[in-house]
Protein backbone atom coordinates (compact mmCIF):
# COMPACT_ATOMS: atom_id res chain seq x y z
CA UNK A 1 67.08 -13.67 82.78
CA UNK A 2 68.81 -12.91 79.72
CA UNK A 3 65.36 -12.01 78.51
CA UNK A 4 64.49 -9.48 81.60
CA UNK A 5 67.63 -7.92 81.29
CA UNK A 6 66.84 -7.35 77.09
CA UNK A 7 63.45 -6.26 78.32
CA UNK A 8 65.23 -3.27 80.62
CA UNK A 9 67.51 -2.06 78.66
CA UNK A 10 63.94 -2.48 75.43
CA UNK A 11 62.34 0.34 77.87
CA UNK A 12 65.77 2.22 78.76
CA UNK A 13 66.26 3.19 75.42
CA UNK A 14 62.60 3.43 74.38
CA UNK A 15 61.89 5.84 77.42
CA UNK A 16 64.74 7.84 76.47
CA UNK A 17 63.58 8.26 72.79
CA UNK A 18 60.90 9.53 74.26
CA UNK A 19 63.25 12.11 76.40
CA UNK A 20 64.60 12.91 73.13
CA UNK A 21 62.10 13.48 70.94
CA UNK A 22 60.34 16.11 73.50
CA UNK A 23 62.99 17.81 74.44
CA UNK A 24 63.40 18.17 70.99
CA UNK A 25 59.71 19.63 70.35
CA UNK A 26 60.59 22.04 73.12
CA UNK A 27 64.05 23.28 71.50
CA UNK A 28 61.81 23.36 68.79
CA UNK A 29 59.02 25.18 69.94
CA UNK A 30 61.55 27.78 71.30
CA UNK A 31 63.28 28.49 68.15
CA UNK A 32 61.03 28.64 66.08
CA UNK A 33 58.01 29.34 67.89
CA UNK A 34 55.77 30.74 64.64
CA UNK A 35 57.06 29.83 61.13
CA UNK A 36 54.73 33.25 59.41
CA UNK A 37 56.76 36.05 62.22
CA UNK A 38 60.77 36.71 62.17
CA UNK A 39 62.24 36.47 65.78
CA UNK A 40 64.50 39.86 65.59
CA UNK A 41 68.09 39.25 66.83
CA UNK A 42 68.56 39.79 69.79
CA UNK A 43 71.08 42.25 70.91
CA UNK A 44 74.20 40.10 71.73
CA UNK A 45 73.86 38.52 68.36
CA UNK A 46 73.70 41.67 66.80
CA UNK A 47 77.14 43.11 68.58
CA UNK A 48 78.98 39.77 67.07
CA UNK A 49 77.78 40.78 63.64
CA UNK A 50 78.96 44.68 64.09
CA UNK A 51 82.07 43.54 65.50
CA UNK A 52 82.54 40.50 62.55
CA UNK A 53 81.14 43.76 59.75
CA UNK A 54 83.63 45.95 61.39
CA UNK A 55 86.75 43.62 61.59
CA UNK A 56 86.35 42.48 57.48
CA UNK A 57 86.11 47.25 56.78
CA UNK A 58 89.98 46.74 58.93
CA UNK A 59 90.52 43.35 56.98
CA UNK A 60 89.60 45.35 53.96
CA UNK A 61 91.09 48.18 54.44
CA UNK A 62 94.96 47.18 55.75
CA UNK A 63 95.40 45.02 52.14
CA UNK A 64 94.43 47.49 49.79
CA UNK A 65 96.69 49.44 52.19
CA UNK A 66 99.20 46.67 51.25
CA UNK A 67 98.53 47.00 48.04
CA UNK A 68 98.81 50.45 47.22
CA UNK A 69 102.48 50.37 48.88
CA UNK A 70 103.24 47.57 47.48
CA UNK A 71 102.62 49.62 43.78
CA UNK A 72 104.12 52.57 44.90
CA UNK A 73 106.74 50.79 46.16
CA UNK A 74 107.36 49.37 42.95
CA UNK A 75 107.04 52.52 41.13
CA UNK A 76 110.14 53.64 43.15
CA UNK A 77 112.35 51.21 41.85
CA UNK A 78 111.03 51.45 37.93
């Protein structure tokens, strides 16, 4: 009885490993179709990059403006 249970468990694990290897291969083929060809960024990804760039620029400007205001206040206090 124990041998049959072990056999079923081993076959289930083997089937799962085969399924996962096929799924990973399909995903790899979809993501990396040809190593010699670059895949262009999709529209949504490009918009996210532009939003990040705009947010970064805003944060840098805010930082510089705050530093400038602090320097002006220090000069006025002296």
